Amino acid sequence: MSGYPNMREFYQKGLILIGENDRAALMQKSGENTSHEGSTHWLIAMEGSEKQPDIYQWKVLIYPSDSKKVNCYKSPYFSSQHFSSIHDAINYSNELSQKAREDQLNTLE
């Protein structure tokens, strides 16, 4: 496992500016890992992996990024449980996008 997302089945949404509360949570979570210091935005994406031939499972990932690149694919801020339906993953990614716009991703566990 390379630690990088499966780019063949990787669908990202538009970048969302990180709010003050979420930035504080990101810095606390990253501890001494300085790769997130330049992060100004969230990238929310869905990643699919083939569970069986032609049957995919999906998870929603949140990565810290700046306006041009993801700062660290190896350690997402958040990774969801797997969904058996892409539609469920899309709905959940929309919920997370709304939380990000409201500066509430810091409430995720």
PDB file of N, CA and C in Angstrom:
ATOM      1  N   MET A   1       0.859  -1.187   0.000  1.00  0.00           N
ATOM      2  CA  MET A   1       0.000   0.000   0.000  1.00  0.00           C
ATOM      3  C   MET A   1       0.889   1.228   0.000  1.00  0.00           C
ATOM      4  N   SER A   2       0.671   2.104  -0.926  1.00  0.00           N
ATOM      5  CA  SER A   2       1.525   3.267  -1.077  1.00  0.00           C
ATOM      6  C   SER A   2       1.141   4.414  -0.154  1.00  0.00           C
ATOM      7  N   GLY A   3      -0.044   4.411   0.399  1.00  0.00           N
ATOM      8  CA  GLY A   3      -0.482   5.518   1.231  1.00  0.00           C
ATOM      9  C   GLY A   3      -1.134   6.637   0.425  1.00  0.00           C
ATOM     10  N   TYR A   4      -1.161   6.505  -0.880  1.00  0.00           N
ATOM     11  CA  TYR A   4      -1.788   7.507  -1.730  1.00  0.00           C
ATOM     12  C   TYR A   4      -3.148   7.009  -2.174  1.00  0.00           C
ATOM     13  N   PRO A   5      -4.063   7.926  -2.461  1.00  0.00           N
ATOM     14  CA  PRO A   5      -5.399   7.492  -2.878  1.00  0.00           C
ATOM     15  C   PRO A   5      -5.374   6.778  -4.223  1.00  0.00           C
ATOM     16  N   ASN A   6      -6.407   6.008  -4.444  1.00  0.00           N
ATOM     17  CA  ASN A   6      -6.599   5.310  -5.706  1.00  0.00           C
ATOM     18  C   ASN A   6      -7.080   6.351  -6.722  1.00  0.00           C
ATOM     19  N   MET A   7      -6.153   6.893  -7.487  1.00  0.00           N
ATOM     20  CA  MET A   7      -6.510   7.972  -8.407  1.00  0.00           C
ATOM     21  C   MET A   7      -7.406   7.517  -9.557  1.00  0.00           C
ATOM     22  N   ARG A   8      -7.500   6.229  -9.767  1.00  0.00           N
ATOM     23  CA  ARG A   8      -8.397   5.737 -10.814  1.00  0.00           C
ATOM     24  C   ARG A   8      -9.856   5.987 -10.434  1.00  0.00           C
ATOM     25  N   GLU A   9     -10.180   5.843  -9.167  1.00  0.00           N
ATOM     26  CA  GLU A   9     -11.538   6.070  -8.663  1.00  0.00           C
ATOM     27  C   GLU A   9     -11.467   7.113  -7.552  1.00  0.00           C
ATOM     28  N   PHE A  10     -11.084   8.331  -7.908  1.00  0.00           N
ATOM     29  CA  PHE A  10     -10.913   9.420  -6.949  1.00  0.00           C
ATOM     30  C   PHE A  10     -11.644  10.636  -7.500  1.00  0.00           C
ATOM     31  N   TYR A  11     -12.639  11.091  -6.762  1.00  0.00           N
ATOM     32  CA  TYR A  11     -13.474  12.188  -7.227  1.00  0.00           C
ATOM     33  C   TYR A  11     -13.489  13.277  -6.169  1.00  0.00           C
ATOM     34  N   GLN A  12     -12.941  14.428  -6.526  1.00  0.00           N
ATOM     35  CA  GLN A  12     -12.842  15.503  -5.553  1.00  0.00           C
ATOM     36  C   GLN A  12     -13.849  16.597  -5.828  1.00  0.00           C
ATOM     37  N   LYS A  13     -14.164  17.316  -4.752  1.00  0.00           N
ATOM     38  CA  LYS A  13     -15.043  18.473  -4.848  1.00  0.00           C
ATOM     39  C   LYS A  13     -14.160  19.723  -4.878  1.00  0.00           C
ATOM     40  N   GLY A  14     -14.770  20.869  -5.060  1.00  0.00           N
ATOM     41  CA  GLY A  14     -14.031  22.124  -5.038  1.00  0.00           C
ATOM     42  C   GLY A  14     -13.456  22.409  -3.657  1.00  0.00           C
ATOM     43  N   LEU A  15     -12.377  23.163  -3.623  1.00  0.00           N
ATOM     44  CA  LEU A  15     -11.733  23.501  -2.362  1.00  0.00           C
ATOM     45  C   LEU A  15     -12.625  24.399  -1.515  1.00  0.00           C
ATOM     46  N   ILE A  16     -12.525  24.221  -0.191  1.00  0.00           N
ATOM     47  CA  ILE A  16     -13.291  25.021   0.768  1.00  0.00           C
ATOM     48  C   ILE A  16     -12.298  25.648   1.732  1.00  0.00           C
ATOM     49  N   LEU A  17     -12.411  26.954   1.931  1.00  0.00           N
ATOM     50  CA  LEU A  17     -11.520  27.681   2.828  1.00  0.00           C
ATOM     51  C   LEU A  17     -11.640  27.141   4.254  1.00  0.00           C
ATOM     52  N   ILE A  18     -10.524  26.921   4.921  1.00  0.00           N
ATOM     53  CA  ILE A  18     -10.526  26.431   6.309  1.00  0.00           C
ATOM     54  C   ILE A  18     -10.875  27.584   7.236  1.00  0.00           C
ATOM     55  N   GLY A  19     -11.858  27.369   8.110  1.00  0.00           N
ATOM     56  CA  GLY A  19     -12.243  28.370   9.104  1.00  0.00           C
ATOM     57  C   GLY A  19     -11.315  28.346  10.304  1.00  0.00           C
ATOM     58  N   GLU A  20     -11.452  29.327  11.174  1.00  0.00           N
ATOM     59  CA  GLU A  20     -10.577  29.460  12.347  1.00  0.00           C
ATOM     60  C   GLU A  20     -10.646  28.258  13.282  1.00  0.00           C
ATOM     61  N   ASN A  21     -11.850  27.793  13.592  1.00  0.00           N
ATOM     62  CA  ASN A  21     -12.003  26.662  14.512  1.00  0.00           C
ATOM     63  C   ASN A  21     -11.406  25.381  13.916  1.00  0.00           C
ATOM     64  N   ASP A  22     -11.680  25.164  12.638  1.00  0.00           N
ATOM     65  CA  ASP A  22     -11.151  23.970  11.980  1.00  0.00           C
ATOM     66  C   ASP A  22      -9.632  24.041  11.844  1.00  0.00           C
ATOM     67  N   ARG A  23      -9.096  25.229  11.598  1.00  0.00           N
ATOM     68  CA  ARG A  23      -7.639  25.373  11.502  1.00  0.00           C
ATOM     69  C   ARG A  23      -6.981  25.037  12.835  1.00  0.00           C
ATOM     70  N   ALA A  24      -7.553  25.510  13.929  1.00  0.00           N
ATOM     71  CA  ALA A  24      -7.013  25.202  15.255  1.00  0.00           C
ATOM     72  C   ALA A  24      -7.041  23.694  15.506  1.00  0.00           C
ATOM     73  N   ALA A  25      -8.138  23.032  15.122  1.00  0.00           N
ATOM     74  CA  ALA A  25      -8.246  21.576  15.295  1.00  0.00           C
ATOM     75  C   ALA A  25      -7.217  20.855  14.426  1.00  0.00           C
ATOM     76  N   LEU A  26      -7.018  21.338  13.203  1.00  0.00           N
ATOM     77  CA  LEU A  26      -6.031  20.730  12.307  1.00  0.00           C
ATOM     78  C   LEU A  26      -4.630  20.845  12.904  1.00  0.00           C
ATOM     79  N   MET A  27      -4.281  22.009  13.411  1.00  0.00           N
ATOM     80  CA  MET A  27      -2.941  22.209  13.979  1.00  0.00           C
ATOM     81  C   MET A  27      -2.752  21.343  15.224  1.00  0.00           C
ATOM     82  N   GLN A  28      -3.801  21.212  16.035  1.00  0.00           N
ATOM     83  CA  GLN A  28      -3.717  20.366  17.226  1.00  0.00           C
ATOM     84  C   GLN A  28      -3.551  18.903  16.829  1.00  0.00           C
ATOM     85  N   LYS A  29      -4.303  18.472  15.834  1.00  0.00           N
ATOM     86  CA  LYS A  29      -4.242  17.074  15.393  1.00  0.00           C
ATOM     87  C   LYS A  29      -2.899  16.750  14.746  1.00  0.00           C
ATOM     88  N   SER A  30      -2.341  17.707  14.014  1.00  0.00           N
ATOM     89  CA  SER A  30      -1.087  17.440  13.310  1.00  0.00           C
ATOM     90  C   SER A  30       0.118  17.464  14.242  1.00  0.00           C
ATOM     91  N   GLY A  31      -0.015  18.090  15.411  1.00  0.00           N
ATOM     92  CA  GLY A  31       1.079  18.086  16.390  1.00  0.00           C
ATOM     93  C   GLY A  31       2.358  18.648  15.798  1.00  0.00           C
ATOM     94  N   GLU A  32       3.396  17.835  15.800  1.00  0.00           N
ATOM     95  CA  GLU A  32       4.697  18.280  15.296  1.00  0.00           C
ATOM     96  C   GLU A  32       4.847  18.103  13.787  1.00  0.00           C
ATOM     97  N   ASN A  33       3.855  17.541  13.133  1.00  0.00           N
ATOM     98  CA  ASN A  33       3.886  17.371  11.683  1.00  0.00           C
ATOM     99  C   ASN A  33       3.677  18.737  11.036  1.00  0.00           C
ATOM    100  N   THR A  34       4.721  19.291  10.462  1.00  0.00           N
ATOM    101  CA  THR A  34       4.653  20.642   9.908  1.00  0.00           C
ATOM    102  C   THR A  34       4.086  20.690   8.486  1.00  0.00           C
ATOM    103  N   SER A  35       3.763  19.557   7.898  1.00  0.00           N
ATOM    104  CA  SER A  35       3.277  19.547   6.513  1.00  0.00           C
ATOM    105  C   SER A  35       1.927  20.249   6.355  1.00  0.00           C
ATOM    106  N   HIS A  36       1.198  20.441   7.439  1.00  0.00           N
ATOM    107  CA  HIS A  36      -0.121  21.073   7.341  1.00  0.00           C
ATOM    108  C   HIS A  36      -0.090  22.573   7.615  1.00  0.00           C
ATOM    109  N   GLU A  37       1.057  23.111   7.989  1.00  0.00           N
ATOM    110  CA  GLU A  37       1.127  24.524   8.376  1.00  0.00           C
ATOM    111  C   GLU A  37       0.659  25.482   7.286  1.00  0.00           C
ATOM    112  N   GLY A  38       0.940  25.185   6.027  1.00  0.00           N
ATOM    113  CA  GLY A  38       0.545  26.062   4.932  1.00  0.00           C
ATOM    114  C   GLY A  38      -0.857  25.810   4.416  1.00  0.00           C
ATOM    115  N   SER A  39      -1.594  24.952   5.094  1.00  0.00           N
ATOM    116  CA  SER A  39      -2.938  24.594   4.627  1.00  0.00           C
ATOM    117  C   SER A  39      -3.908  25.751   4.814  1.00  0.00           C
ATOM    118  N   THR A  40      -4.619  26.065   3.761  1.00  0.00           N
ATOM    119  CA  THR A  40      -5.607  27.139   3.787  1.00  0.00           C
ATOM    120  C   THR A  40      -6.999  26.652   3.387  1.00  0.00           C
ATOM    121  N   HIS A  41      -7.059  25.457   2.783  1.00  0.00           N
ATOM    122  CA  HIS A  41      -8.315  24.929   2.249  1.00  0.00           C
ATOM    123  C   HIS A  41      -8.468  23.451   2.608  1.00  0.00           C
ATOM    124  N   TRP A  42      -9.710  22.989   2.509  1.00  0.00           N
ATOM    125  CA  TRP A  42     -10.021  21.564   2.607  1.00  0.00           C
ATOM    126  C   TRP A  42     -10.293  21.035   1.209  1.00  0.00           C
ATOM    127  N   LEU A  43      -9.819  19.847   0.944  1.00  0.00           N
ATOM    128  CA  LEU A  43     -10.206  19.122  -0.260  1.00  0.00           C
ATOM    129  C   LEU A  43     -10.997  17.904   0.213  1.00  0.00           C
ATOM    130  N   ILE A  44     -12.241  17.822  -0.185  1.00  0.00           N
ATOM    131  CA  ILE A  44     -13.107  16.693   0.176  1.00  0.00           C
ATOM    132  C   ILE A  44     -13.252  15.831  -1.063  1.00  0.00           C
ATOM    133  N   ALA A  45     -13.021  14.540  -0.904  1.00  0.00           N
ATOM    134  CA  ALA A  45     -13.020  13.640  -2.061  1.00  0.00           C
ATOM    135  C   ALA A  45     -13.628  12.296  -1.684  1.00  0.00           C
ATOM    136  N   MET A  46     -14.035  11.574  -2.718  1.00  0.00           N
ATOM    137  CA  MET A  46     -14.489  10.204  -2.554  1.00  0.00           C
ATOM    138  C   MET A  46     -13.494   9.300  -3.255  1.00  0.00           C
ATOM    139  N   GLU A  47     -13.170   8.201  -2.596  1.00  0.00           N
ATOM    140  CA  GLU A  47     -12.239   7.231  -3.164  1.00  0.00           C
ATOM    141  C   GLU A  47     -12.928   5.875  -3.216  1.00  0.00           C
ATOM    142  N   GLY A  48     -12.891   5.261  -4.383  1.00  0.00           N
ATOM    143  CA  GLY A  48     -13.485   3.943  -4.550  1.00  0.00           C
ATOM    144  C   GLY A  48     -12.420   2.876  -4.634  1.00  0.00           C
ATOM    145  N   SER A  49     -12.716   1.747  -4.039  1.00  0.00           N
ATOM    146  CA  SER A  49     -11.820   0.596  -4.165  1.00  0.00           C
ATOM    147  C   SER A  49     -12.666  -0.625  -4.517  1.00  0.00           C
ATOM    148  N   GLU A  50     -12.116  -1.463  -5.355  1.00  0.00           N
ATOM    149  CA  GLU A  50     -12.849  -2.630  -5.834  1.00  0.00           C
ATOM    150  C   GLU A  50     -12.847  -3.705  -4.755  1.00  0.00           C
ATOM    151  N   LYS A  51     -14.031  -4.000  -4.265  1.00  0.00           N
ATOM    152  CA  LYS A  51     -14.204  -5.023  -3.234  1.00  0.00           C
ATOM    153  C   LYS A  51     -14.228  -6.408  -3.871  1.00  0.00           C
ATOM    154  N   GLN A  52     -14.944  -6.514  -4.956  1.00  0.00           N
ATOM    155  CA  GLN A  52     -15.029  -7.710  -5.791  1.00  0.00           C
ATOM    156  C   GLN A  52     -15.056  -7.199  -7.221  1.00  0.00           C
ATOM    157  N   PRO A  53     -14.868  -8.056  -8.209  1.00  0.00           N
ATOM    158  CA  PRO A  53     -14.920  -7.558  -9.580  1.00  0.00           C
ATOM    159  C   PRO A  53     -16.205  -6.762  -9.843  1.00  0.00           C
ATOM    160  N   ASP A  54     -16.024  -5.521 -10.262  1.00  0.00           N
ATOM    161  CA  ASP A  54     -17.117  -4.599 -10.598  1.00  0.00           C
ATOM    162  C   ASP A  54     -18.003  -4.207  -9.415  1.00  0.00           C
ATOM    163  N   ILE A  55     -17.556  -4.461  -8.192  1.00  0.00           N
ATOM    164  CA  ILE A  55     -18.292  -4.028  -7.001  1.00  0.00           C
ATOM    165  C   ILE A  55     -17.336  -3.158  -6.180  1.00  0.00           C
ATOM    166  N   TYR A  56     -17.721  -1.890  -6.009  1.00  0.00           N
ATOM    167  CA  TYR A  56     -16.862  -0.937  -5.329  1.00  0.00           C
ATOM    168  C   TYR A  56     -17.409  -0.580  -3.960  1.00  0.00           C
ATOM    169  N   GLN A  57     -16.479  -0.219  -3.087  1.00  0.00           N
ATOM    170  CA  GLN A  57     -16.849   0.400  -1.824  1.00  0.00           C
ATOM    171  C   GLN A  57     -16.210   1.783  -1.832  1.00  0.00           C
ATOM    172  N   TRP A  58     -16.825   2.710  -1.132  1.00  0.00           N
ATOM    173  CA  TRP A  58     -16.427   4.111  -1.202  1.00  0.00           C
ATOM    174  C   TRP A  58     -16.161   4.655   0.181  1.00  0.00           C
ATOM    175  N   LYS A  59     -15.221   5.558   0.276  1.00  0.00           N
ATOM    176  CA  LYS A  59     -15.037   6.299   1.514  1.00  0.00           C
ATOM    177  C   LYS A  59     -14.843   7.767   1.160  1.00  0.00           C
ATOM    178  N   VAL A  60     -15.157   8.614   2.121  1.00  0.00           N
ATOM    179  CA  VAL A  60     -15.018  10.053   1.943  1.00  0.00           C
ATOM    180  C   VAL A  60     -13.800  10.483   2.756  1.00  0.00           C
ATOM    181  N   LEU A  61     -12.945  11.263   2.112  1.00  0.00           N
ATOM    182  CA  LEU A  61     -11.703  11.716   2.726  1.00  0.00           C
ATOM    183  C   LEU A  61     -11.650  13.237   2.730  1.00  0.00           C
ATOM    184  N   ILE A  62     -11.024  13.792   3.759  1.00  0.00           N
ATOM    185  CA  ILE A  62     -10.800  15.235   3.824  1.00  0.00           C
ATOM    186  C   ILE A  62      -9.303  15.455   3.971  1.00  0.00           C
ATOM    187  N   TYR A  63      -8.748  16.223   3.037  1.00  0.00           N
ATOM    188  CA  TYR A  63      -7.322  16.525   3.053  1.00  0.00           C
ATOM    189  C   TYR A  63      -7.092  18.015   3.264  1.00  0.00           C
ATOM    190  N   PRO A  64      -6.108  18.372   4.090  1.00  0.00           N
ATOM    191  CA  PRO A  64      -5.691  19.769   4.148  1.00  0.00           C
ATOM    192  C   PRO A  64      -4.931  20.099   2.865  1.00  0.00           C
ATOM    193  N   SER A  65      -5.143  21.283   2.342  1.00  0.00           N
ATOM    194  CA  SER A  65      -4.454  21.672   1.122  1.00  0.00           C
ATOM    195  C   SER A  65      -4.245  23.184   1.126  1.00  0.00           C
ATOM    196  N   ASP A  66      -3.506  23.647   0.144  1.00  0.00           N
ATOM    197  CA  ASP A  66      -3.495  25.083  -0.105  1.00  0.00           C
ATOM    198  C   ASP A  66      -4.300  25.290  -1.385  1.00  0.00           C
ATOM    199  N   SER A  67      -4.222  26.439  -1.969  1.00  0.00           N
ATOM    200  CA  SER A  67      -5.073  26.691  -3.136  1.00  0.00           C
ATOM    201  C   SER A  67      -4.592  25.969  -4.396  1.00  0.00           C
ATOM    202  N   LYS A  68      -3.405  25.345  -4.343  1.00  0.00           N
ATOM    203  CA  LYS A  68      -2.852  24.696  -5.531  1.00  0.00           C
ATOM    204  C   LYS A  68      -2.624  23.195  -5.390  1.00  0.00           C
ATOM    205  N   LYS A  69      -2.405  22.699  -4.168  1.00  0.00           N
ATOM    206  CA  LYS A  69      -2.063  21.275  -4.018  1.00  0.00           C
ATOM    207  C   LYS A  69      -2.461  20.760  -2.639  1.00  0.00           C
ATOM    208  N   VAL A  70      -2.647  19.448  -2.588  1.00  0.00           N
ATOM    209  CA  VAL A  70      -2.880  18.779  -1.314  1.00  0.00           C
ATOM    210  C   VAL A  70      -1.530  18.657  -0.619  1.00  0.00           C
ATOM    211  N   ASN A  71      -1.495  19.020   0.655  1.00  0.00           N
ATOM    212  CA  ASN A  71      -0.224  19.042   1.372  1.00  0.00           C
ATOM    213  C   ASN A  71       0.249  17.665   1.814  1.00  0.00           C
ATOM    214  N   CYS A  72      -0.668  16.735   1.998  1.00  0.00           N
ATOM    215  CA  CYS A  72      -0.223  15.416   2.439  1.00  0.00           C
ATOM    216  C   CYS A  72      -1.321  14.377   2.189  1.00  0.00           C
ATOM    217  N   TYR A  73      -1.183  13.631   1.094  1.00  0.00           N
ATOM    218  CA  TYR A  73      -2.153  12.570   0.794  1.00  0.00           C
ATOM    219  C   TYR A  73      -2.037  11.407   1.771  1.00  0.00           C
ATOM    220  N   LYS A  74      -0.872  11.262   2.393  1.00  0.00           N
ATOM    221  CA  LYS A  74      -0.666  10.102   3.262  1.00  0.00           C
ATOM    222  C   LYS A  74      -1.423  10.197   4.576  1.00  0.00           C
ATOM    223  N   SER A  75      -1.779  11.391   4.978  1.00  0.00           N
ATOM    224  CA  SER A  75      -2.477  11.515   6.260  1.00  0.00           C
ATOM    225  C   SER A  75      -3.664  12.474   6.132  1.00  0.00           C
ATOM    226  N   PRO A  76      -4.814  11.945   5.683  1.00  0.00           N
ATOM    227  CA  PRO A  76      -5.993  12.805   5.592  1.00  0.00           C
ATOM    228  C   PRO A  76      -6.422  13.272   6.980  1.00  0.00           C
ATOM    229  N   TYR A  77      -7.059  14.415   7.030  1.00  0.00           N
ATOM    230  CA  TYR A  77      -7.606  14.925   8.290  1.00  0.00           C
ATOM    231  C   TYR A  77      -8.714  14.002   8.775  1.00  0.00           C
ATOM    232  N   PHE A  78      -9.482  13.455   7.828  1.00  0.00           N
ATOM    233  CA  PHE A  78     -10.616  12.592   8.170  1.00  0.00           C
ATOM    234  C   PHE A  78     -10.808  11.549   7.083  1.00  0.00           C
ATOM    235  N   SER A  79     -11.152  10.350   7.483  1.00  0.00           N
ATOM    236  CA  SER A  79     -11.492   9.270   6.564  1.00  0.00           C
ATOM    237  C   SER A  79     -12.739   8.585   7.104  1.00  0.00           C
ATOM    238  N   SER A  80     -13.757   8.472   6.293  1.00  0.00           N
ATOM    239  CA  SER A  80     -15.028   7.892   6.743  1.00  0.00           C
ATOM    240  C   SER A  80     -14.980   6.372   6.728  1.00  0.00           C
ATOM    241  N   GLN A  81     -16.048   5.795   7.212  1.00  0.00           N
ATOM    242  CA  GLN A  81     -16.286   4.364   7.048  1.00  0.00           C
ATOM    243  C   GLN A  81     -16.520   4.103   5.566  1.00  0.00           C
ATOM    244  N   HIS A  82     -16.523   2.861   5.174  1.00  0.00           N
ATOM    245  CA  HIS A  82     -16.794   2.521   3.775  1.00  0.00           C
ATOM    246  C   HIS A  82     -18.305   2.519   3.524  1.00  0.00           C
ATOM    247  N   PHE A  83     -18.664   2.986   2.351  1.00  0.00           N
ATOM    248  CA  PHE A  83     -20.051   2.967   1.891  1.00  0.00           C
ATOM    249  C   PHE A  83     -20.145   1.991   0.727  1.00  0.00           C
ATOM    250  N   SER A  84     -21.225   1.237   0.666  1.00  0.00           N
ATOM    251  CA  SER A  84     -21.400   0.305  -0.450  1.00  0.00           C
ATOM    252  C   SER A  84     -22.038   0.982  -1.653  1.00  0.00           C
ATOM    253  N   SER A  85     -22.531   2.190  -1.468  1.00  0.00           N
ATOM    254  CA  SER A  85     -23.196   2.923  -2.550  1.00  0.00           C
ATOM    255  C   SER A  85     -22.477   4.249  -2.785  1.00  0.00           C
ATOM    256  N   ILE A  86     -22.182   4.544  -4.032  1.00  0.00           N
ATOM    257  CA  ILE A  86     -21.573   5.841  -4.344  1.00  0.00           C
ATOM    258  C   ILE A  86     -22.530   6.979  -3.997  1.00  0.00           C
ATOM    259  N   HIS A  87     -23.821   6.735  -4.095  1.00  0.00           N
ATOM    260  CA  HIS A  87     -24.812   7.762  -3.779  1.00  0.00           C
ATOM    261  C   HIS A  87     -24.768   8.125  -2.294  1.00  0.00           C
ATOM    262  N   ASP A  88     -24.584   7.122  -1.437  1.00  0.00           N
ATOM    263  CA  ASP A  88     -24.440   7.392   0.001  1.00  0.00           C
ATOM    264  C   ASP A  88     -23.162   8.179   0.270  1.00  0.00           C
ATOM    265  N   ALA A  89     -22.093   7.835  -0.424  1.00  0.00           N
ATOM    266  CA  ALA A  89     -20.824   8.559  -0.263  1.00  0.00           C
ATOM    267  C   ALA A  89     -20.967  10.002  -0.739  1.00  0.00           C
ATOM    268  N   ILE A  90     -21.660  10.216  -1.848  1.00  0.00           N
ATOM    269  CA  ILE A  90     -21.891  11.575  -2.343  1.00  0.00           C
ATOM    270  C   ILE A  90     -22.695  12.381  -1.329  1.00  0.00           C
ATOM    271  N   ASN A  91     -23.748  11.789  -0.796  1.00  0.00           N
ATOM    272  CA  ASN A  91     -24.565  12.488   0.208  1.00  0.00           C
ATOM    273  C   ASN A  91     -23.735  12.856   1.426  1.00  0.00           C
ATOM    274  N   TYR A  92     -22.912  11.921   1.881  1.00  0.00           N
ATOM    275  CA  TYR A  92     -22.080  12.197   3.059  1.00  0.00           C
ATOM    276  C   TYR A  92     -21.040  13.275   2.740  1.00  0.00           C
ATOM    277  N   SER A  93     -20.454  13.231   1.553  1.00  0.00           N
ATOM    278  CA  SER A  93     -19.483  14.265   1.181  1.00  0.00           C
ATOM    279  C   SER A  93     -20.149  15.639   1.128  1.00  0.00           C
ATOM    280  N   ASN A  94     -21.409  15.688   0.719  1.00  0.00           N
ATOM    281  CA  ASN A  94     -22.145  16.959   0.722  1.00  0.00           C
ATOM    282  C   ASN A  94     -22.368  17.459   2.143  1.00  0.00           C
ATOM    283  N   GLU A  95     -22.679  16.551   3.068  1.00  0.00           N
ATOM    284  CA  GLU A  95     -22.829  16.930   4.479  1.00  0.00           C
ATOM    285  C   GLU A  95     -21.521  17.479   5.031  1.00  0.00           C
ATOM    286  N   LEU A  96     -20.411  16.816   4.704  1.00  0.00           N
ATOM    287  CA  LEU A  96     -19.108  17.277   5.188  1.00  0.00           C
ATOM    288  C   LEU A  96     -18.732  18.620   4.563  1.00  0.00           C
ATOM    289  N   SER A  97     -19.086  18.821   3.313  1.00  0.00           N
ATOM    290  CA  SER A  97     -18.823  20.111   2.669  1.00  0.00           C
ATOM    291  C   SER A  97     -19.560  21.232   3.395  1.00  0.00           C
ATOM    292  N   GLN A  98     -20.797  20.961   3.768  1.00  0.00           N
ATOM    293  CA  GLN A  98     -21.572  21.960   4.509  1.00  0.00           C
ATOM    294  C   GLN A  98     -20.931  22.245   5.862  1.00  0.00           C
ATOM    295  N   LYS A  99     -20.505  21.199   6.559  1.00  0.00           N
ATOM    296  CA  LYS A  99     -19.813  21.380   7.844  1.00  0.00           C
ATOM    297  C   LYS A  99     -18.545  22.215   7.661  1.00  0.00           C
ATOM    298  N   ALA A 100     -17.814  21.967   6.583  1.00  0.00           N
ATOM    299  CA  ALA A 100     -16.582  22.722   6.320  1.00  0.00           C
ATOM    300  C   ALA A 100     -16.898  24.195   6.101  1.00  0.00           C
ATOM    301  N   ARG A 101     -17.949  24.486   5.337  1.00  0.00           N
ATOM    302  CA  ARG A 101     -18.318  25.880   5.089  1.00  0.00           C
ATOM    303  C   ARG A 101     -18.760  26.580   6.376  1.00  0.00           C
ATOM    304  N   GLU A 102     -19.280  25.808   7.316  1.00  0.00           N
ATOM    305  CA  GLU A 102     -19.735  26.363   8.594  1.00  0.00           C
ATOM    306  C   GLU A 102     -18.644  26.313   9.667  1.00  0.00           C
ATOM    307  N   ASP A 103     -17.420  25.918   9.295  1.00  0.00           N
ATOM    308  CA  ASP A 103     -16.291  25.840  10.233  1.00  0.00           C
ATOM    309  C   ASP A 103     -16.584  24.842  11.363  1.00  0.00           C
ATOM    310  N   GLN A 104     -17.180  23.692  10.997  1.00  0.00           N
ATOM    311  CA  GLN A 104     -17.592  22.689  11.992  1.00  0.00           C
ATOM    312  C   GLN A 104     -16.965  21.312  11.784  1.00  0.00           C
ATOM    313  N   LEU A 105     -15.944  21.189  10.942  1.00  0.00           N
ATOM    314  CA  LEU A 105     -15.300  19.882  10.785  1.00  0.00           C
ATOM    315  C   LEU A 105     -14.595  19.463  12.068  1.00  0.00           C
ATOM    316  N   ASN A 106     -14.279  20.412  12.913  1.00  0.00           N
ATOM    317  CA  ASN A 106     -13.618  20.111  14.182  1.00  0.00           C
ATOM    318  C   ASN A 106     -14.497  19.276  15.105  1.00  0.00           C
ATOM    319  N   THR A 107     -15.771  19.138  14.782  1.00  0.00           N
ATOM    320  CA  THR A 107     -16.675  18.344  15.619  1.00  0.00           C
ATOM    321  C   THR A 107     -16.701  16.873  15.217  1.00  0.00           C
ATOM    322  N   LEU A 108     -16.014  16.524  14.119  1.00  0.00           N
ATOM    323  CA  LEU A 108     -15.984  15.125  13.657  1.00  0.00           C
ATOM    324  C   LEU A 108     -15.140  14.276  14.602  1.00  0.00           C
ATOM    325  N   GLU A 109     -15.533  13.027  14.746  1.00  0.00           N
ATOM    326  CA  GLU A 109     -14.755  12.098  15.568  1.00  0.00           C
ATOM    327  C   GLU A 109     -14.176  11.025  14.716  1.00  0.00           C
TER     328      GLU A 109
END
